[in-house]
């Protein structure tokens, strides 16, 4: 784990919400119509922090796995994925 990933593990809440807001909610929002969702399944929405825990395992796999497929616009750097994974591993506080 990089130094940034270590810091994120210690203070994960500082990072995760911004990652979701900037990398996920552009497609995963209940306020978007079908075409604007860019194939994000209906009902898989991250408008509020309460909606995210149900999807943590899927988010972890899709956004931080060995071959990340999300965000659809392209995978962030390894460092950003590590920070996001640290946030998820801490229970997405």
N, C-alpha and C. Protein backbone atom coordinates (compact mmCIF):
# COMPACT_ATOMS: atom_id res chain seq x y z
N UNK A 1 0.85 -1.18 0.00
CA UNK A 1 0.00 0.00 0.00
C UNK A 1 0.90 1.24 0.00
N UNK A 2 0.53 2.20 -0.79
CA UNK A 2 1.29 3.45 -0.85
C UNK A 2 1.06 4.27 0.40
N UNK A 3 1.88 5.30 0.58
CA UNK A 3 1.73 6.21 1.72
C UNK A 3 0.34 6.84 1.72
N UNK A 4 -0.14 7.22 0.56
CA UNK A 4 -1.48 7.81 0.46
C UNK A 4 -2.53 6.81 0.90
N UNK A 5 -2.38 5.57 0.49
CA UNK A 5 -3.32 4.53 0.91
C UNK A 5 -3.30 4.31 2.42
N UNK A 6 -2.10 4.40 3.03
CA UNK A 6 -1.99 4.27 4.48
C UNK A 6 -2.72 5.41 5.18
N UNK A 7 -2.55 6.62 4.69
CA UNK A 7 -3.24 7.77 5.28
C UNK A 7 -4.74 7.64 5.12
N UNK A 8 -5.18 7.17 3.99
CA UNK A 8 -6.61 7.00 3.76
C UNK A 8 -7.20 5.97 4.72
N UNK A 9 -6.42 4.94 5.04
CA UNK A 9 -6.90 3.93 5.98
C UNK A 9 -7.09 4.52 7.37
N UNK A 10 -6.25 5.50 7.73
CA UNK A 10 -6.34 6.14 9.03
C UNK A 10 -7.47 7.16 9.08
N UNK A 11 -7.73 7.85 7.97
CA UNK A 11 -8.77 8.89 7.91
C UNK A 11 -9.60 8.71 6.64
N UNK A 12 -10.27 7.57 6.53
CA UNK A 12 -10.93 7.23 5.28
C UNK A 12 -12.08 8.12 4.88
N UNK A 13 -12.81 8.66 5.82
CA UNK A 13 -13.98 9.47 5.49
C UNK A 13 -13.65 10.70 4.69
N UNK A 14 -12.40 11.13 4.74
CA UNK A 14 -12.00 12.32 4.00
C UNK A 14 -11.97 12.08 2.50
N UNK A 15 -11.97 10.86 2.09
CA UNK A 15 -11.78 10.56 0.68
C UNK A 15 -12.97 9.93 -0.02
N UNK A 16 -13.60 8.97 0.62
CA UNK A 16 -14.59 8.14 -0.05
C UNK A 16 -15.79 8.86 -0.63
N UNK A 17 -16.36 9.79 0.13
CA UNK A 17 -17.55 10.48 -0.38
C UNK A 17 -17.22 11.28 -1.64
N UNK A 18 -16.07 11.92 -1.65
CA UNK A 18 -15.67 12.68 -2.84
C UNK A 18 -15.47 11.77 -4.05
N UNK A 19 -14.91 10.60 -3.81
CA UNK A 19 -14.71 9.64 -4.89
C UNK A 19 -16.06 9.22 -5.48
N UNK A 20 -17.01 8.90 -4.60
CA UNK A 20 -18.34 8.52 -5.08
C UNK A 20 -19.02 9.67 -5.81
N UNK A 21 -18.91 10.85 -5.25
CA UNK A 21 -19.56 12.01 -5.86
C UNK A 21 -18.99 12.27 -7.25
N UNK A 22 -17.68 12.23 -7.38
CA UNK A 22 -17.04 12.58 -8.66
C UNK A 22 -16.93 11.40 -9.63
N UNK A 23 -16.84 10.19 -9.11
CA UNK A 23 -16.61 9.05 -9.98
C UNK A 23 -17.81 8.14 -10.21
N UNK A 24 -18.83 8.26 -9.35
CA UNK A 24 -19.94 7.30 -9.42
C UNK A 24 -21.31 7.94 -9.63
N UNK A 25 -21.56 9.02 -8.92
CA UNK A 25 -22.91 9.58 -8.93
C UNK A 25 -23.30 10.22 -10.26
N UNK A 26 -22.36 10.41 -11.15
CA UNK A 26 -22.70 10.94 -12.47
C UNK A 26 -23.57 9.98 -13.26
N UNK A 27 -23.53 8.69 -12.89
CA UNK A 27 -24.38 7.67 -13.53
C UNK A 27 -25.32 7.02 -12.51
N UNK A 28 -24.87 6.88 -11.28
CA UNK A 28 -25.62 6.18 -10.23
C UNK A 28 -26.40 7.16 -9.38
N UNK A 29 -27.43 7.72 -9.96
CA UNK A 29 -28.30 8.67 -9.25
C UNK A 29 -29.75 8.39 -9.62
N UNK A 30 -30.59 8.34 -8.62
CA UNK A 30 -32.02 8.09 -8.89
C UNK A 30 -32.67 9.27 -9.60
N UNK A 31 -31.97 10.38 -9.71
CA UNK A 31 -32.49 11.56 -10.39
C UNK A 31 -32.23 11.54 -11.89
N UNK A 32 -31.51 10.53 -12.37
CA UNK A 32 -31.16 10.46 -13.79
C UNK A 32 -32.11 9.55 -14.56
N UNK A 33 -32.41 9.94 -15.77
CA UNK A 33 -33.23 9.11 -16.67
C UNK A 33 -32.33 8.02 -17.27
N UNK A 34 -32.92 7.03 -17.88
CA UNK A 34 -32.22 5.85 -18.37
C UNK A 34 -30.97 6.16 -19.20
N UNK A 35 -31.08 6.97 -20.23
CA UNK A 35 -29.92 7.24 -21.10
C UNK A 35 -28.82 7.98 -20.36
N UNK A 36 -29.18 8.85 -19.45
CA UNK A 36 -28.19 9.62 -18.69
C UNK A 36 -27.44 8.74 -17.69
N UNK A 37 -27.96 7.56 -17.41
CA UNK A 37 -27.31 6.65 -16.46
C UNK A 37 -26.15 5.88 -17.10
N UNK A 38 -26.00 5.93 -18.41
CA UNK A 38 -24.90 5.26 -19.12
C UNK A 38 -24.78 3.79 -18.70
N UNK A 39 -25.91 3.09 -18.74
CA UNK A 39 -26.00 1.66 -18.45
C UNK A 39 -25.89 1.30 -16.97
N UNK A 40 -25.83 2.27 -16.07
CA UNK A 40 -25.88 1.95 -14.64
C UNK A 40 -27.25 1.36 -14.34
N UNK A 41 -27.31 0.21 -13.69
CA UNK A 41 -28.61 -0.42 -13.44
C UNK A 41 -29.53 0.47 -12.61
N UNK A 42 -30.79 0.47 -12.98
CA UNK A 42 -31.77 1.22 -12.21
C UNK A 42 -31.83 0.64 -10.80
N UNK A 43 -31.85 1.52 -9.81
CA UNK A 43 -31.90 1.09 -8.42
C UNK A 43 -30.54 0.98 -7.77
N UNK A 44 -29.46 1.02 -8.55
CA UNK A 44 -28.11 1.03 -8.00
C UNK A 44 -27.69 2.49 -7.95
N UNK A 45 -28.10 3.14 -6.87
CA UNK A 45 -27.93 4.59 -6.74
C UNK A 45 -27.14 4.93 -5.48
N UNK A 46 -26.37 5.99 -5.58
CA UNK A 46 -25.53 6.44 -4.46
C UNK A 46 -25.81 7.89 -4.11
N UNK A 47 -27.09 8.25 -4.08
CA UNK A 47 -27.45 9.63 -3.77
C UNK A 47 -27.17 10.00 -2.32
N UNK A 48 -27.33 9.04 -1.43
CA UNK A 48 -27.07 9.30 -0.02
C UNK A 48 -26.13 8.24 0.51
N UNK A 49 -25.49 8.56 1.61
CA UNK A 49 -24.56 7.62 2.23
C UNK A 49 -25.28 6.35 2.67
N UNK A 50 -26.56 6.45 3.00
CA UNK A 50 -27.32 5.28 3.44
C UNK A 50 -27.55 4.27 2.33
N UNK A 51 -27.48 4.69 1.08
CA UNK A 51 -27.72 3.78 -0.05
C UNK A 51 -26.48 2.97 -0.43
N UNK A 52 -25.32 3.40 -0.01
CA UNK A 52 -24.07 2.78 -0.45
C UNK A 52 -23.75 1.44 0.19
N UNK A 53 -24.01 1.22 1.50
CA UNK A 53 -23.59 -0.04 2.12
C UNK A 53 -24.12 -1.30 1.43
N UNK A 54 -25.29 -1.25 0.88
CA UNK A 54 -25.84 -2.43 0.20
C UNK A 54 -25.00 -2.84 -1.00
N UNK A 55 -24.22 -1.93 -1.51
CA UNK A 55 -23.46 -2.19 -2.73
C UNK A 55 -21.95 -2.24 -2.50
N UNK A 56 -21.49 -2.23 -1.25
CA UNK A 56 -20.05 -2.11 -0.98
C UNK A 56 -19.24 -3.21 -1.67
N UNK A 57 -19.66 -4.46 -1.58
CA UNK A 57 -18.88 -5.53 -2.21
C UNK A 57 -18.80 -5.36 -3.72
N UNK A 58 -19.91 -4.99 -4.32
CA UNK A 58 -19.93 -4.78 -5.78
C UNK A 58 -19.09 -3.56 -6.16
N UNK A 59 -19.20 -2.50 -5.38
CA UNK A 59 -18.39 -1.30 -5.64
C UNK A 59 -16.91 -1.65 -5.54
N UNK A 60 -16.54 -2.38 -4.49
CA UNK A 60 -15.13 -2.75 -4.29
C UNK A 60 -14.61 -3.52 -5.51
N UNK A 61 -15.38 -4.51 -5.95
CA UNK A 61 -14.96 -5.33 -7.09
C UNK A 61 -14.85 -4.51 -8.37
N UNK A 62 -15.87 -3.71 -8.65
CA UNK A 62 -15.92 -2.98 -9.91
C UNK A 62 -14.95 -1.80 -9.95
N UNK A 63 -14.70 -1.16 -8.81
CA UNK A 63 -13.90 0.07 -8.82
C UNK A 63 -12.47 -0.11 -8.35
N UNK A 64 -12.18 -1.21 -7.62
CA UNK A 64 -10.83 -1.33 -7.07
C UNK A 64 -10.19 -2.68 -7.33
N UNK A 65 -10.86 -3.56 -8.05
CA UNK A 65 -10.31 -4.89 -8.31
C UNK A 65 -9.11 -4.84 -9.25
N UNK A 66 -8.64 -6.02 -9.62
CA UNK A 66 -7.47 -6.10 -10.50
C UNK A 66 -7.72 -5.51 -11.87
N UNK A 67 -8.94 -5.64 -12.34
CA UNK A 67 -9.31 -5.06 -13.64
C UNK A 67 -10.57 -4.22 -13.46
N UNK A 68 -10.42 -3.04 -12.87
CA UNK A 68 -11.59 -2.21 -12.58
C UNK A 68 -12.34 -1.82 -13.85
N UNK A 69 -13.66 -1.89 -13.77
CA UNK A 69 -14.50 -1.51 -14.91
C UNK A 69 -15.26 -0.21 -14.64
N UNK A 70 -15.09 0.34 -13.47
CA UNK A 70 -15.76 1.59 -13.11
C UNK A 70 -14.78 2.52 -12.44
N UNK A 71 -14.95 3.79 -12.63
CA UNK A 71 -15.98 4.48 -13.39
C UNK A 71 -15.87 4.18 -14.88
N UNK A 72 -17.01 4.26 -15.54
CA UNK A 72 -17.08 3.94 -16.96
C UNK A 72 -16.18 4.84 -17.81
N UNK A 73 -15.95 6.04 -17.35
CA UNK A 73 -15.12 6.99 -18.10
C UNK A 73 -13.64 6.63 -18.04
N UNK A 74 -13.29 5.63 -17.24
CA UNK A 74 -11.90 5.21 -17.15
C UNK A 74 -11.47 5.08 -15.71
N UNK A 75 -10.60 4.12 -15.48
CA UNK A 75 -10.15 3.85 -14.12
C UNK A 75 -9.23 4.96 -13.62
N UNK A 76 -9.40 5.35 -12.37
CA UNK A 76 -8.49 6.30 -11.76
C UNK A 76 -7.12 5.65 -11.55
N UNK A 77 -6.18 6.41 -11.09
CA UNK A 77 -4.84 5.89 -10.84
C UNK A 77 -4.88 4.82 -9.75
N UNK A 78 -3.83 4.03 -9.69
CA UNK A 78 -3.71 3.00 -8.65
C UNK A 78 -3.81 3.65 -7.27
N UNK A 79 -3.17 4.78 -7.10
CA UNK A 79 -3.21 5.48 -5.81
C UNK A 79 -4.64 5.85 -5.42
N UNK A 80 -5.41 6.36 -6.34
CA UNK A 80 -6.81 6.72 -6.03
C UNK A 80 -7.64 5.47 -5.73
N UNK A 81 -7.40 4.40 -6.46
CA UNK A 81 -8.13 3.16 -6.19
C UNK A 81 -7.78 2.62 -4.81
N UNK A 82 -6.50 2.71 -4.41
CA UNK A 82 -6.09 2.25 -3.08
C UNK A 82 -6.76 3.07 -1.99
N UNK A 83 -6.83 4.36 -2.18
CA UNK A 83 -7.47 5.23 -1.19
C UNK A 83 -8.96 4.89 -1.07
N UNK A 84 -9.61 4.68 -2.19
CA UNK A 84 -11.02 4.35 -2.18
C UNK A 84 -11.24 2.99 -1.53
N UNK A 85 -10.39 2.03 -1.84
CA UNK A 85 -10.50 0.70 -1.23
C UNK A 85 -10.32 0.79 0.28
N UNK A 86 -9.39 1.61 0.75
CA UNK A 86 -9.19 1.79 2.19
C UNK A 86 -10.47 2.32 2.84
N UNK A 87 -11.13 3.23 2.17
CA UNK A 87 -12.40 3.77 2.67
C UNK A 87 -13.46 2.67 2.74
N UNK A 88 -13.56 1.87 1.67
CA UNK A 88 -14.52 0.77 1.66
C UNK A 88 -14.20 -0.25 2.75
N UNK A 89 -12.91 -0.59 2.90
CA UNK A 89 -12.49 -1.57 3.89
C UNK A 89 -12.74 -1.10 5.32
N UNK A 90 -12.79 0.20 5.51
CA UNK A 90 -13.08 0.76 6.84
C UNK A 90 -14.58 0.84 7.09
N UNK A 91 -15.38 0.29 6.19
CA UNK A 91 -16.83 0.30 6.36
C UNK A 91 -17.51 1.49 5.74
N UNK A 92 -16.81 2.21 4.88
CA UNK A 92 -17.37 3.39 4.19
C UNK A 92 -17.97 4.38 5.18
N UNK A 93 -17.14 4.84 6.14
CA UNK A 93 -17.67 5.73 7.20
C UNK A 93 -18.13 7.08 6.68
